Amino acid sequence: MALRSMQKANLDAVKPDVHGRISKQSVLLDTVTVTKVTFHPGSKWSQDLKDYAGTDSCLLPHVAYILQGAIEVVMDDGSREMFCKGDIMMVPSGHDAWAVGDEPCVFLQFSQGDNYYGELTAR
């Protein structure tokens, strides 16, 4: 399917959706959602988003570019990886994650049709 027209959005113009110490700002361009996610120091998915998501671990896969800071991800099987500024990460579903260090971890995530948080917000 061809893109019908150019599109543009500004994430800084979007009011943050905040859960504990994690915030996100999302825009939809055609069928692609672009989300700026900020894990503030001390944030952890299992502490800040688990109850909201209603799952034991994050079930969203992520493809993202780290703009600032660092984030550590541990998969349900125990494997782990740290991602830092300049890294591109691809993380499958079934994980926990937390900010590392004293500065926020900020990343741009690109997704298509896999945003159960959006479905929860629409309810």
PDB file of N, CA and C in Angstrom:
ATOM      1  N   MET A   1       0.833  -1.179   0.000  1.00  0.00           N
ATOM      2  CA  MET A   1       0.000   0.000   0.000  1.00  0.00           C
ATOM      3  C   MET A   1       0.878   1.244   0.000  1.00  0.00           C
ATOM      4  N   ALA A   2       0.646   2.131  -0.923  1.00  0.00           N
ATOM      5  CA  ALA A   2       1.445   3.343  -1.047  1.00  0.00           C
ATOM      6  C   ALA A   2       0.952   4.422  -0.091  1.00  0.00           C
ATOM      7  N   LEU A   3       1.873   5.186   0.429  1.00  0.00           N
ATOM      8  CA  LEU A   3       1.533   6.322   1.273  1.00  0.00           C
ATOM      9  C   LEU A   3       0.869   7.379   0.408  1.00  0.00           C
ATOM     10  N   ARG A   4      -0.274   7.853   0.840  1.00  0.00           N
ATOM     11  CA  ARG A   4      -1.052   8.800   0.033  1.00  0.00           C
ATOM     12  C   ARG A   4      -0.507  10.207   0.061  1.00  0.00           C
ATOM     13  N   SER A   5       0.079  10.600   1.187  1.00  0.00           N
ATOM     14  CA  SER A   5       0.622  11.951   1.291  1.00  0.00           C
ATOM     15  C   SER A   5       1.679  11.992   2.386  1.00  0.00           C
ATOM     16  N   MET A   6       2.506  13.036   2.335  1.00  0.00           N
ATOM     17  CA  MET A   6       3.486  13.217   3.402  1.00  0.00           C
ATOM     18  C   MET A   6       2.747  13.591   4.675  1.00  0.00           C
ATOM     19  N   GLN A   7       3.309  13.197   5.795  1.00  0.00           N
ATOM     20  CA  GLN A   7       2.713  13.520   7.086  1.00  0.00           C
ATOM     21  C   GLN A   7       3.794  14.005   8.027  1.00  0.00           C
ATOM     22  N   LYS A   8       3.386  14.806   8.969  1.00  0.00           N
ATOM     23  CA  LYS A   8       4.331  15.373   9.927  1.00  0.00           C
ATOM     24  C   LYS A   8       3.627  15.526  11.261  1.00  0.00           C
ATOM     25  N   ALA A   9       4.361  15.321  12.347  1.00  0.00           N
ATOM     26  CA  ALA A   9       3.818  15.509  13.691  1.00  0.00           C
ATOM     27  C   ALA A   9       4.944  15.993  14.590  1.00  0.00           C
ATOM     28  N   ASN A  10       4.572  16.565  15.732  1.00  0.00           N
ATOM     29  CA  ASN A  10       5.544  17.058  16.690  1.00  0.00           C
ATOM     30  C   ASN A  10       5.257  16.424  18.046  1.00  0.00           C
ATOM     31  N   LEU A  11       6.119  15.530  18.475  1.00  0.00           N
ATOM     32  CA  LEU A  11       5.915  14.845  19.756  1.00  0.00           C
ATOM     33  C   LEU A  11       5.907  15.810  20.939  1.00  0.00           C
ATOM     34  N   ASP A  12       6.658  16.896  20.839  1.00  0.00           N
ATOM     35  CA  ASP A  12       6.708  17.854  21.949  1.00  0.00           C
ATOM     36  C   ASP A  12       5.377  18.578  22.147  1.00  0.00           C
ATOM     37  N   ALA A  13       4.501  18.535  21.149  1.00  0.00           N
ATOM     38  CA  ALA A  13       3.190  19.177  21.255  1.00  0.00           C
ATOM     39  C   ALA A  13       2.142  18.250  21.884  1.00  0.00           C
ATOM     40  N   VAL A  14       2.516  17.008  22.168  1.00  0.00           N
ATOM     41  CA  VAL A  14       1.594  16.014  22.712  1.00  0.00           C
ATOM     42  C   VAL A  14       1.715  15.981  24.239  1.00  0.00           C
ATOM     43  N   LYS A  15       0.566  16.047  24.919  1.00  0.00           N
ATOM     44  CA  LYS A  15       0.558  15.960  26.379  1.00  0.00           C
ATOM     45  C   LYS A  15       1.030  14.571  26.807  1.00  0.00           C
ATOM     46  N   PRO A  16       1.992  14.492  27.715  1.00  0.00           N
ATOM     47  CA  PRO A  16       2.503  13.184  28.147  1.00  0.00           C
ATOM     48  C   PRO A  16       1.445  12.348  28.867  1.00  0.00           C
ATOM     49  N   ASP A  17       1.464  11.061  28.598  1.00  0.00           N
ATOM     50  CA  ASP A  17       0.673  10.074  29.316  1.00  0.00           C
ATOM     51  C   ASP A  17       1.611   9.518  30.386  1.00  0.00           C
ATOM     52  N   VAL A  18       1.336   9.808  31.654  1.00  0.00           N
ATOM     53  CA  VAL A  18       2.286   9.518  32.733  1.00  0.00           C
ATOM     54  C   VAL A  18       1.757   8.400  33.625  1.00  0.00           C
ATOM     55  N   HIS A  19       2.634   7.453  33.906  1.00  0.00           N
ATOM     56  CA  HIS A  19       2.348   6.357  34.833  1.00  0.00           C
ATOM     57  C   HIS A  19       3.549   6.235  35.758  1.00  0.00           C
ATOM     58  N   GLY A  20       3.395   6.722  36.987  1.00  0.00           N
ATOM     59  CA  GLY A  20       4.518   6.709  37.918  1.00  0.00           C
ATOM     60  C   GLY A  20       5.646   7.564  37.379  1.00  0.00           C
ATOM     61  N   ARG A  21       6.811   6.950  37.195  1.00  0.00           N
ATOM     62  CA  ARG A  21       7.990   7.667  36.703  1.00  0.00           C
ATOM     63  C   ARG A  21       8.255   7.404  35.223  1.00  0.00           C
ATOM     64  N   ILE A  22       7.258   6.863  34.522  1.00  0.00           N
ATOM     65  CA  ILE A  22       7.385   6.598  33.086  1.00  0.00           C
ATOM     66  C   ILE A  22       6.354   7.449  32.348  1.00  0.00           C
ATOM     67  N   SER A  23       6.800   8.142  31.315  1.00  0.00           N
ATOM     68  CA  SER A  23       5.871   8.936  30.512  1.00  0.00           C
ATOM     69  C   SER A  23       6.063   8.613  29.040  1.00  0.00           C
ATOM     70  N   LYS A  24       4.983   8.837  28.266  1.00  0.00           N
ATOM     71  CA  LYS A  24       5.078   8.609  26.830  1.00  0.00           C
ATOM     72  C   LYS A  24       4.236   9.639  26.098  1.00  0.00           C
ATOM     73  N   GLN A  25       4.707   9.976  24.910  1.00  0.00           N
ATOM     74  CA  GLN A  25       4.016  10.890  24.012  1.00  0.00           C
ATOM     75  C   GLN A  25       3.956  10.201  22.657  1.00  0.00           C
ATOM     76  N   SER A  26       2.747  10.025  22.107  1.00  0.00           N
ATOM     77  CA  SER A  26       2.589   9.260  20.870  1.00  0.00           C
ATOM     78  C   SER A  26       1.880  10.063  19.797  1.00  0.00           C
ATOM     79  N   VAL A  27       2.302   9.821  18.561  1.00  0.00           N
ATOM     80  CA  VAL A  27       1.617  10.352  17.386  1.00  0.00           C
ATOM     81  C   VAL A  27       1.446   9.212  16.400  1.00  0.00           C
ATOM     82  N   LEU A  28       0.397   9.315  15.594  1.00  0.00           N
ATOM     83  CA  LEU A  28       0.123   8.309  14.572  1.00  0.00           C
ATOM     84  C   LEU A  28       0.354   8.933  13.204  1.00  0.00           C
ATOM     85  N   LEU A  29       1.234   8.330  12.434  1.00  0.00           N
ATOM     86  CA  LEU A  29       1.482   8.735  11.057  1.00  0.00           C
ATOM     87  C   LEU A  29       1.083   7.567  10.175  1.00  0.00           C
ATOM     88  N   ASP A  30      -0.004   7.744   9.444  1.00  0.00           N
ATOM     89  CA  ASP A  30      -0.584   6.678   8.634  1.00  0.00           C
ATOM     90  C   ASP A  30      -0.852   5.492   9.561  1.00  0.00           C
ATOM     91  N   THR A  31      -0.155   4.379   9.412  1.00  0.00           N
ATOM     92  CA  THR A  31      -0.394   3.216  10.268  1.00  0.00           C
ATOM     93  C   THR A  31       0.741   2.976  11.268  1.00  0.00           C
ATOM     94  N   VAL A  32       1.672   3.919  11.375  1.00  0.00           N
ATOM     95  CA  VAL A  32       2.824   3.764  12.261  1.00  0.00           C
ATOM     96  C   VAL A  32       2.686   4.703  13.456  1.00  0.00           C
ATOM     97  N   THR A  33       2.780   4.138  14.654  1.00  0.00           N
ATOM     98  CA  THR A  33       2.779   4.939  15.864  1.00  0.00           C
ATOM     99  C   THR A  33       4.220   5.212  16.261  1.00  0.00           C
ATOM    100  N   VAL A  34       4.532   6.486  16.485  1.00  0.00           N
ATOM    101  CA  VAL A  34       5.853   6.893  16.962  1.00  0.00           C
ATOM    102  C   VAL A  34       5.657   7.404  18.384  1.00  0.00           C
ATOM    103  N   THR A  35       6.407   6.827  19.316  1.00  0.00           N
ATOM    104  CA  THR A  35       6.238   7.166  20.726  1.00  0.00           C
ATOM    105  C   THR A  35       7.568   7.559  21.337  1.00  0.00           C
ATOM    106  N   LYS A  36       7.572   8.713  21.985  1.00  0.00           N
ATOM    107  CA  LYS A  36       8.732   9.135  22.775  1.00  0.00           C
ATOM    108  C   LYS A  36       8.471   8.654  24.197  1.00  0.00           C
ATOM    109  N   VAL A  37       9.313   7.758  24.686  1.00  0.00           N
ATOM    110  CA  VAL A  37       9.153   7.172  26.018  1.00  0.00           C
ATOM    111  C   VAL A  37      10.275   7.689  26.915  1.00  0.00           C
ATOM    112  N   THR A  38       9.912   8.100  28.123  1.00  0.00           N
ATOM    113  CA  THR A  38      10.904   8.551  29.096  1.00  0.00           C
ATOM    114  C   THR A  38      10.783   7.714  30.364  1.00  0.00           C
ATOM    115  N   PHE A  39      11.852   7.009  30.685  1.00  0.00           N
ATOM    116  CA  PHE A  39      11.982   6.305  31.959  1.00  0.00           C
ATOM    117  C   PHE A  39      12.818   7.226  32.850  1.00  0.00           C
ATOM    118  N   HIS A  40      12.190   7.867  33.823  1.00  0.00           N
ATOM    119  CA  HIS A  40      12.914   8.758  34.727  1.00  0.00           C
ATOM    120  C   HIS A  40      13.730   7.922  35.708  1.00  0.00           C
ATOM    121  N   PRO A  41      14.772   8.510  36.320  1.00  0.00           N
ATOM    122  CA  PRO A  41      15.588   7.749  37.274  1.00  0.00           C
ATOM    123  C   PRO A  41      14.716   7.052  38.325  1.00  0.00           C
ATOM    124  N   GLY A  42      15.016   5.800  38.575  1.00  0.00           N
ATOM    125  CA  GLY A  42      14.274   5.008  39.549  1.00  0.00           C
ATOM    126  C   GLY A  42      13.036   4.322  38.988  1.00  0.00           C
ATOM    127  N   SER A  43      12.733   4.562  37.719  1.00  0.00           N
ATOM    128  CA  SER A  43      11.536   3.942  37.135  1.00  0.00           C
ATOM    129  C   SER A  43      11.804   2.489  36.759  1.00  0.00           C
ATOM    130  N   LYS A  44      10.731   1.707  36.799  1.00  0.00           N
ATOM    131  CA  LYS A  44      10.800   0.293  36.425  1.00  0.00           C
ATOM    132  C   LYS A  44       9.423  -0.117  35.926  1.00  0.00           C
ATOM    133  N   TRP A  45       9.378  -0.802  34.780  1.00  0.00           N
ATOM    134  CA  TRP A  45       8.097  -1.189  34.188  1.00  0.00           C
ATOM    135  C   TRP A  45       7.233  -1.925  35.203  1.00  0.00           C
ATOM    136  N   SER A  46       7.812  -2.894  35.923  1.00  0.00           N
ATOM    137  CA  SER A  46       7.032  -3.720  36.851  1.00  0.00           C
ATOM    138  C   SER A  46       6.505  -2.937  38.048  1.00  0.00           C
ATOM    139  N   GLN A  47       7.054  -1.764  38.311  1.00  0.00           N
ATOM    140  CA  GLN A  47       6.556  -0.927  39.402  1.00  0.00           C
ATOM    141  C   GLN A  47       5.619   0.169  38.893  1.00  0.00           C
ATOM    142  N   ASP A  48       5.898   0.713  37.723  1.00  0.00           N
ATOM    143  CA  ASP A  48       5.163   1.876  37.235  1.00  0.00           C
ATOM    144  C   ASP A  48       4.058   1.555  36.228  1.00  0.00           C
ATOM    145  N   LEU A  49       4.166   0.457  35.501  1.00  0.00           N
ATOM    146  CA  LEU A  49       3.188   0.156  34.447  1.00  0.00           C
ATOM    147  C   LEU A  49       2.494  -1.194  34.572  1.00  0.00           C
ATOM    148  N   LYS A  50       3.007  -2.075  35.402  1.00  0.00           N
ATOM    149  CA  LYS A  50       2.454  -3.435  35.489  1.00  0.00           C
ATOM    150  C   LYS A  50       0.962  -3.441  35.804  1.00  0.00           C
ATOM    151  N   ASP A  51       0.544  -2.694  36.815  1.00  0.00           N
ATOM    152  CA  ASP A  51      -0.874  -2.675  37.181  1.00  0.00           C
ATOM    153  C   ASP A  51      -1.730  -2.111  36.053  1.00  0.00           C
ATOM    154  N   TYR A  52      -1.245  -1.074  35.396  1.00  0.00           N
ATOM    155  CA  TYR A  52      -1.976  -0.463  34.282  1.00  0.00           C
ATOM    156  C   TYR A  52      -2.122  -1.447  33.121  1.00  0.00           C
ATOM    157  N   ALA A  53      -1.033  -2.163  32.808  1.00  0.00           N
ATOM    158  CA  ALA A  53      -1.059  -3.121  31.703  1.00  0.00           C
ATOM    159  C   ALA A  53      -1.873  -4.362  32.052  1.00  0.00           C
ATOM    160  N   GLY A  54      -1.882  -4.735  33.341  1.00  0.00           N
ATOM    161  CA  GLY A  54      -2.617  -5.921  33.761  1.00  0.00           C
ATOM    162  C   GLY A  54      -1.949  -7.221  33.381  1.00  0.00           C
ATOM    163  N   THR A  55      -0.633  -7.178  33.179  1.00  0.00           N
ATOM    164  CA  THR A  55       0.136  -8.375  32.818  1.00  0.00           C
ATOM    165  C   THR A  55       1.358  -8.473  33.731  1.00  0.00           C
ATOM    166  N   ASP A  56       1.934  -9.666  33.843  1.00  0.00           N
ATOM    167  CA  ASP A  56       3.098  -9.853  34.704  1.00  0.00           C
ATOM    168  C   ASP A  56       4.373  -9.245  34.132  1.00  0.00           C
ATOM    169  N   SER A  57       4.456  -9.169  32.801  1.00  0.00           N
ATOM    170  CA  SER A  57       5.588  -8.536  32.141  1.00  0.00           C
ATOM    171  C   SER A  57       5.058  -7.782  30.931  1.00  0.00           C
ATOM    172  N   CYS A  58       5.897  -6.956  30.342  1.00  0.00           N
ATOM    173  CA  CYS A  58       5.481  -6.167  29.186  1.00  0.00           C
ATOM    174  C   CYS A  58       5.316  -7.093  27.984  1.00  0.00           C
ATOM    175  N   LEU A  59       4.145  -7.072  27.391  1.00  0.00           N
ATOM    176  CA  LEU A  59       3.856  -7.948  26.253  1.00  0.00           C
ATOM    177  C   LEU A  59       4.022  -7.260  24.909  1.00  0.00           C
ATOM    178  N   LEU A  60       4.472  -5.995  24.930  1.00  0.00           N
ATOM    179  CA  LEU A  60       4.701  -5.284  23.670  1.00  0.00           C
ATOM    180  C   LEU A  60       6.119  -5.537  23.170  1.00  0.00           C
ATOM    181  N   PRO A  61       6.274  -5.853  21.894  1.00  0.00           N
ATOM    182  CA  PRO A  61       7.618  -5.860  21.317  1.00  0.00           C
ATOM    183  C   PRO A  61       8.024  -4.410  21.066  1.00  0.00           C
ATOM    184  N   HIS A  62       9.319  -4.131  21.093  1.00  0.00           N
ATOM    185  CA  HIS A  62       9.787  -2.756  20.904  1.00  0.00           C
ATOM    186  C   HIS A  62      10.896  -2.687  19.863  1.00  0.00           C
ATOM    187  N   VAL A  63      10.788  -1.725  18.978  1.00  0.00           N
ATOM    188  CA  VAL A  63      11.869  -1.325  18.086  1.00  0.00           C
ATOM    189  C   VAL A  63      12.061   0.150  18.377  1.00  0.00           C
ATOM    190  N   ALA A  64      13.233   0.512  18.891  1.00  0.00           N
ATOM    191  CA  ALA A  64      13.413   1.883  19.366  1.00  0.00           C
ATOM    192  C   ALA A  64      14.858   2.339  19.217  1.00  0.00           C
ATOM    193  N   TYR A  65      15.022   3.657  19.208  1.00  0.00           N
ATOM    194  CA  TYR A  65      16.326   4.314  19.161  1.00  0.00           C
ATOM    195  C   TYR A  65      16.500   5.081  20.466  1.00  0.00           C
ATOM    196  N   ILE A  66      17.598   4.813  21.189  1.00  0.00           N
ATOM    197  CA  ILE A  66      17.854   5.451  22.478  1.00  0.00           C
ATOM    198  C   ILE A  66      18.475   6.834  22.233  1.00  0.00           C
ATOM    199  N   LEU A  67      17.745   7.864  22.667  1.00  0.00           N
ATOM    200  CA  LEU A  67      18.210   9.248  22.500  1.00  0.00           C
ATOM    201  C   LEU A  67      19.085   9.713  23.654  1.00  0.00           C
ATOM    202  N   GLN A  68      18.802   9.202  24.861  1.00  0.00           N
ATOM    203  CA  GLN A  68      19.484   9.680  26.063  1.00  0.00           C
ATOM    204  C   GLN A  68      19.447   8.599  27.126  1.00  0.00           C
ATOM    205  N   GLY A  69      20.513   8.524  27.915  1.00  0.00           N
ATOM    206  CA  GLY A  69      20.525   7.639  29.071  1.00  0.00           C
ATOM    207  C   GLY A  69      20.700   6.172  28.724  1.00  0.00           C
ATOM    208  N   ALA A  70      20.267   5.331  29.665  1.00  0.00           N
ATOM    209  CA  ALA A  70      20.416   3.882  29.514  1.00  0.00           C
ATOM    210  C   ALA A  70      19.226   3.174  30.145  1.00  0.00           C
ATOM    211  N   ILE A  71      18.913   2.012  29.585  1.00  0.00           N
ATOM    212  CA  ILE A  71      17.826   1.182  30.090  1.00  0.00           C
ATOM    213  C   ILE A  71      18.302  -0.264  30.094  1.00  0.00           C
ATOM    214  N   GLU A  72      17.977  -0.979  31.152  1.00  0.00           N
ATOM    215  CA  GLU A  72      18.285  -2.401  31.202  1.00  0.00           C
ATOM    216  C   GLU A  72      16.986  -3.169  31.032  1.00  0.00           C
ATOM    217  N   VAL A  73      17.050  -4.233  30.235  1.00  0.00           N
ATOM    218  CA  VAL A  73      15.880  -5.062  29.949  1.00  0.00           C
ATOM    219  C   VAL A  73      16.198  -6.484  30.364  1.00  0.00           C
ATOM    220  N   VAL A  74      15.276  -7.117  31.088  1.00  0.00           N
ATOM    221  CA  VAL A  74      15.422  -8.530  31.426  1.00  0.00           C
ATOM    222  C   VAL A  74      14.206  -9.260  30.861  1.00  0.00           C
ATOM    223  N   MET A  75      14.481 -10.311  30.104  1.00  0.00           N
ATOM    224  CA  MET A  75      13.421 -11.112  29.499  1.00  0.00           C
ATOM    225  C   MET A  75      12.866 -12.094  30.538  1.00  0.00           C
ATOM    226  N   ASP A  76      11.682 -12.605  30.271  1.00  0.00           N
ATOM    227  CA  ASP A  76      11.065 -13.569  31.187  1.00  0.00           C
ATOM    228  C   ASP A  76      11.944 -14.802  31.394  1.00  0.00           C
ATOM    229  N   ASP A  77      12.809 -15.121  30.424  1.00  0.00           N
ATOM    230  CA  ASP A  77      13.696 -16.286  30.561  1.00  0.00           C
ATOM    231  C   ASP A  77      14.972 -15.958  31.336  1.00  0.00           C
ATOM    232  N   GLY A  78      15.113 -14.693  31.797  1.00  0.00           N
ATOM    233  CA  GLY A  78      16.276 -14.299  32.591  1.00  0.00           C
ATOM    234  C   GLY A  78      17.391 -13.645  31.801  1.00  0.00           C
ATOM    235  N   SER A  79      17.368 -13.721  30.479  1.00  0.00           N
ATOM    236  CA  SER A  79      18.409 -13.047  29.699  1.00  0.00           C
ATOM    237  C   SER A  79      18.230 -11.538  29.819  1.00  0.00           C
ATOM    238  N   ARG A  80      19.337 -10.816  29.727  1.00  0.00           N
ATOM    239  CA  ARG A  80      19.273  -9.369  29.922  1.00  0.00           C
ATOM    240  C   ARG A  80      20.237  -8.640  29.003  1.00  0.00           C
ATOM    241  N   GLU A  81      19.939  -7.361  28.794  1.00  0.00           N
ATOM    242  CA  GLU A  81      20.778  -6.506  27.948  1.00  0.00           C
ATOM    243  C   GLU A  81      20.604  -5.061  28.402  1.00  0.00           C
ATOM    244  N   MET A  82      21.695  -4.296  28.321  1.00  0.00           N
ATOM    245  CA  MET A  82      21.631  -2.865  28.591  1.00  0.00           C
ATOM    246  C   MET A  82      21.718  -2.140  27.252  1.00  0.00           C
ATOM    247  N   PHE A  83      20.856  -1.132  27.080  1.00  0.00           N
ATOM    248  CA  PHE A  83      20.853  -0.312  25.878  1.00  0.00           C
ATOM    249  C   PHE A  83      21.153   1.119  26.294  1.00  0.00           C
ATOM    250  N   CYS A  84      22.050   1.782  25.543  1.00  0.00           N
ATOM    251  CA  CYS A  84      22.501   3.129  25.889  1.00  0.00           C
ATOM    252  C   CYS A  84      22.317   4.078  24.713  1.00  0.00           C
ATOM    253  N   LYS A  85      22.515   5.363  24.994  1.00  0.00           N
ATOM    254  CA  LYS A  85      22.386   6.415  23.986  1.00  0.00           C
ATOM    255  C   LYS A  85      23.063   5.992  22.683  1.00  0.00           C
ATOM    256  N   GLY A  86      22.316   6.113  21.586  1.00  0.00           N
ATOM    257  CA  GLY A  86      22.833   5.764  20.266  1.00  0.00           C
ATOM    258  C   GLY A  86      22.508   4.344  19.835  1.00  0.00           C
ATOM    259  N   ASP A  87      22.085   3.495  20.767  1.00  0.00           N
ATOM    260  CA  ASP A  87      21.741   2.116  20.419  1.00  0.00           C
ATOM    261  C   ASP A  87      20.345   2.056  19.795  1.00  0.00           C
ATOM    262  N   ILE A  88      20.172   1.097  18.921  1.00  0.00           N
ATOM    263  CA  ILE A  88      18.857   0.736  18.414  1.00  0.00           C
ATOM    264  C   ILE A  88      18.525  -0.599  19.059  1.00  0.00           C
ATOM    265  N   MET A  89      17.352  -0.674  19.687  1.00  0.00           N
ATOM    266  CA  MET A  89      16.999  -1.917  20.368  1.00  0.00           C
ATOM    267  C   MET A  89      15.784  -2.551  19.702  1.00  0.00           C
ATOM    268  N   MET A  90      15.801  -3.872  19.693  1.00  0.00           N
ATOM    269  CA  MET A  90      14.644  -4.649  19.279  1.00  0.00           C
ATOM    270  C   MET A  90      14.436  -5.683  20.372  1.00  0.00           C
ATOM    271  N   VAL A  91      13.312  -5.546  21.086  1.00  0.00           N
ATOM    272  CA  VAL A  91      13.037  -6.371  22.254  1.00  0.00           C
ATOM    273  C   VAL A  91      11.705  -7.085  22.034  1.00  0.00           C
ATOM    274  N   PRO A  92      11.692  -8.408  22.123  1.00  0.00           N
ATOM    275  CA  PRO A  92      10.423  -9.127  21.971  1.00  0.00           C
ATOM    276  C   PRO A  92       9.535  -8.974  23.209  1.00  0.00           C
ATOM    277  N   SER A  93       8.317  -9.439  23.104  1.00  0.00           N
ATOM    278  CA  SER A  93       7.394  -9.373  24.233  1.00  0.00           C
ATOM    279  C   SER A  93       7.885 -10.283  25.360  1.00  0.00           C
ATOM    280  N   GLY A  94       7.426  -9.971  26.589  1.00  0.00           N
ATOM    281  CA  GLY A  94       7.795 -10.769  27.752  1.00  0.00           C
ATOM    282  C   GLY A  94       9.047 -10.269  28.433  1.00  0.00           C
ATOM    283  N   HIS A  95       8.997  -9.041  28.979  1.00  0.00           N
ATOM    284  CA  HIS A  95      10.190  -8.464  29.604  1.00  0.00           C
ATOM    285  C   HIS A  95       9.813  -7.433  30.665  1.00  0.00           C
ATOM    286  N   ASP A  96      10.793  -7.065  31.448  1.00  0.00           N
ATOM    287  CA  ASP A  96      10.728  -5.946  32.380  1.00  0.00           C
ATOM    288  C   ASP A  96      11.869  -5.015  31.984  1.00  0.00           C
ATOM    289  N   ALA A  97      11.799  -3.744  32.381  1.00  0.00           N
ATOM    290  CA  ALA A  97      12.852  -2.784  32.032  1.00  0.00           C
ATOM    291  C   ALA A  97      12.901  -1.687  33.073  1.00  0.00           C
ATOM    292  N   TRP A  98      14.097  -1.084  33.241  1.00  0.00           N
ATOM    293  CA  TRP A  98      14.248  -0.001  34.197  1.00  0.00           C
ATOM    294  C   TRP A  98      15.345   0.947  33.742  1.00  0.00           C
ATOM    295  N   ALA A  99      15.223   2.196  34.191  1.00  0.00           N
ATOM    296  CA  ALA A  99      16.239   3.206  33.903  1.00  0.00           C
ATOM    297  C   ALA A  99      17.494   2.873  34.700  1.00  0.00           C
ATOM    298  N   VAL A 100      18.643   3.130  34.091  1.00  0.00           N
ATOM    299  CA  VAL A 100      19.930   2.887  34.739  1.00  0.00           C
ATOM    300  C   VAL A 100      20.623   4.232  34.949  1.00  0.00           C
ATOM    301  N   GLY A 101      21.074   4.483  36.160  1.00  0.00           N
ATOM    302  CA  GLY A 101      21.818   5.711  36.438  1.00  0.00           C
ATOM    303  C   GLY A 101      20.930   6.860  36.881  1.00  0.00           C
ATOM    304  N   ASP A 102      21.535   8.052  36.883  1.00  0.00           N
ATOM    305  CA  ASP A 102      20.885   9.241  37.428  1.00  0.00           C
ATOM    306  C   ASP A 102      20.225  10.129  36.378  1.00  0.00           C
ATOM    307  N   GLU A 103      20.272   9.734  35.112  1.00  0.00           N
ATOM    308  CA  GLU A 103      19.597  10.548  34.099  1.00  0.00           C
ATOM    309  C   GLU A 103      18.471   9.747  33.459  1.00  0.00           C
ATOM    310  N   PRO A 104      17.462  10.442  32.965  1.00  0.00           N
ATOM    311  CA  PRO A 104      16.360   9.735  32.311  1.00  0.00           C
ATOM    312  C   PRO A 104      16.843   8.965  31.087  1.00  0.00           C
ATOM    313  N   CYS A 105      16.168   7.864  30.797  1.00  0.00           N
ATOM    314  CA  CYS A 105      16.381   7.170  29.533  1.00  0.00           C
ATOM    315  C   CYS A 105      15.230   7.580  28.621  1.00  0.00           C
ATOM    316  N   VAL A 106      15.569   8.151  27.479  1.00  0.00           N
ATOM    317  CA  VAL A 106      14.572   8.612  26.518  1.00  0.00           C
ATOM    318  C   VAL A 106      14.790   7.852  25.223  1.00  0.00           C
ATOM    319  N   PHE A 107      13.712   7.261  24.693  1.00  0.00           N
ATOM    320  CA  PHE A 107      13.846   6.569  23.413  1.00  0.00           C
ATOM    321  C   PHE A 107      12.634   6.823  22.532  1.00  0.00           C
ATOM    322  N   LEU A 108      12.870   6.725  21.227  1.00  0.00           N
ATOM    323  CA  LEU A 108      11.809   6.820  20.225  1.00  0.00           C
ATOM    324  C   LEU A 108      11.474   5.420  19.778  1.00  0.00           C
ATOM    325  N   GLN A 109      10.219   5.059  19.933  1.00  0.00           N
ATOM    326  CA  GLN A 109       9.747   3.721  19.581  1.00  0.00           C
ATOM    327  C   GLN A 109       8.848   3.811  18.347  1.00  0.00           C
ATOM    328  N   PHE A 110       9.001   2.841  17.472  1.00  0.00           N
ATOM    329  CA  PHE A 110       8.202   2.768  16.249  1.00  0.00           C
ATOM    330  C   PHE A 110       7.416   1.465  16.273  1.00  0.00           C
ATOM    331  N   SER A 111       6.097   1.551  16.119  1.00  0.00           N
ATOM    332  CA  SER A 111       5.278   0.341  16.194  1.00  0.00           C
ATOM    333  C   SER A 111       4.118   0.434  15.214  1.00  0.00           C
ATOM    334  N   GLN A 112       3.572  -0.731  14.946  1.00  0.00           N
ATOM    335  CA  GLN A 112       2.444  -0.809  14.029  1.00  0.00           C
ATOM    336  C   GLN A 112       1.482  -1.873  14.533  1.00  0.00           C
ATOM    337  N   GLY A 113       0.344  -1.421  15.060  1.00  0.00           N
ATOM    338  CA  GLY A 113      -0.715  -2.339  15.463  1.00  0.00           C
ATOM    339  C   GLY A 113      -0.440  -3.192  16.678  1.00  0.00           C
ATOM    340  N   ASP A 114       0.445  -2.772  17.572  1.00  0.00           N
ATOM    341  CA  ASP A 114       0.747  -3.604  18.743  1.00  0.00           C
ATOM    342  C   ASP A 114       0.684  -2.803  20.043  1.00  0.00           C
ATOM    343  N   ASN A 115      -0.225  -1.840  20.122  1.00  0.00           N
ATOM    344  CA  ASN A 115      -0.260  -0.974  21.285  1.00  0.00           C
ATOM    345  C   ASN A 115      -1.443  -1.295  22.191  1.00  0.00           C
ATOM    346  N   TYR A 116      -1.295  -2.304  23.071  1.00  0.00           N
ATOM    347  CA  TYR A 116      -2.411  -2.612  23.961  1.00  0.00           C
ATOM    348  C   TYR A 116      -2.641  -1.515  24.975  1.00  0.00           C
ATOM    349  N   TYR A 117      -1.637  -0.663  25.249  1.00  0.00           N
ATOM    350  CA  TYR A 117      -1.865   0.472  26.139  1.00  0.00           C
ATOM    351  C   TYR A 117      -2.886   1.414  25.524  1.00  0.00           C
ATOM    352  N   GLY A 118      -2.804   1.635  24.221  1.00  0.00           N
ATOM    353  CA  GLY A 118      -3.772   2.480  23.529  1.00  0.00           C
ATOM    354  C   GLY A 118      -5.172   1.900  23.643  1.00  0.00           C
ATOM    355  N   GLU A 119      -5.277   0.572  23.550  1.00  0.00           N
ATOM    356  CA  GLU A 119      -6.571  -0.094  23.699  1.00  0.00           C
ATOM    357  C   GLU A 119      -7.106   0.083  25.113  1.00  0.00           C
ATOM    358  N   LEU A 120      -6.228   0.039  26.113  1.00  0.00           N
ATOM    359  CA  LEU A 120      -6.659   0.238  27.495  1.00  0.00           C
ATOM    360  C   LEU A 120      -7.146   1.671  27.711  1.00  0.00           C
ATOM    361  N   THR A 121      -6.444   2.631  27.116  1.00  0.00           N
ATOM    362  CA  THR A 121      -6.803   4.038  27.271  1.00  0.00           C
ATOM    363  C   THR A 121      -8.152   4.333  26.630  1.00  0.00           C
ATOM    364  N   ALA A 122      -8.473   3.637  25.552  1.00  0.00           N
ATOM    365  CA  ALA A 122      -9.731   3.872  24.826  1.00  0.00           C
ATOM    366  C   ALA A 122     -10.944   3.344  25.581  1.00  0.00           C
ATOM    367  N   ARG A 123     -10.730   2.480  26.561  1.00  0.00           N
ATOM    368  CA  ARG A 123     -11.862   1.887  27.301  1.00  0.00           C
ATOM    369  C   ARG A 123     -12.522   2.880  28.232  1.00  0.00           C
TER     370      ARG A 123
END
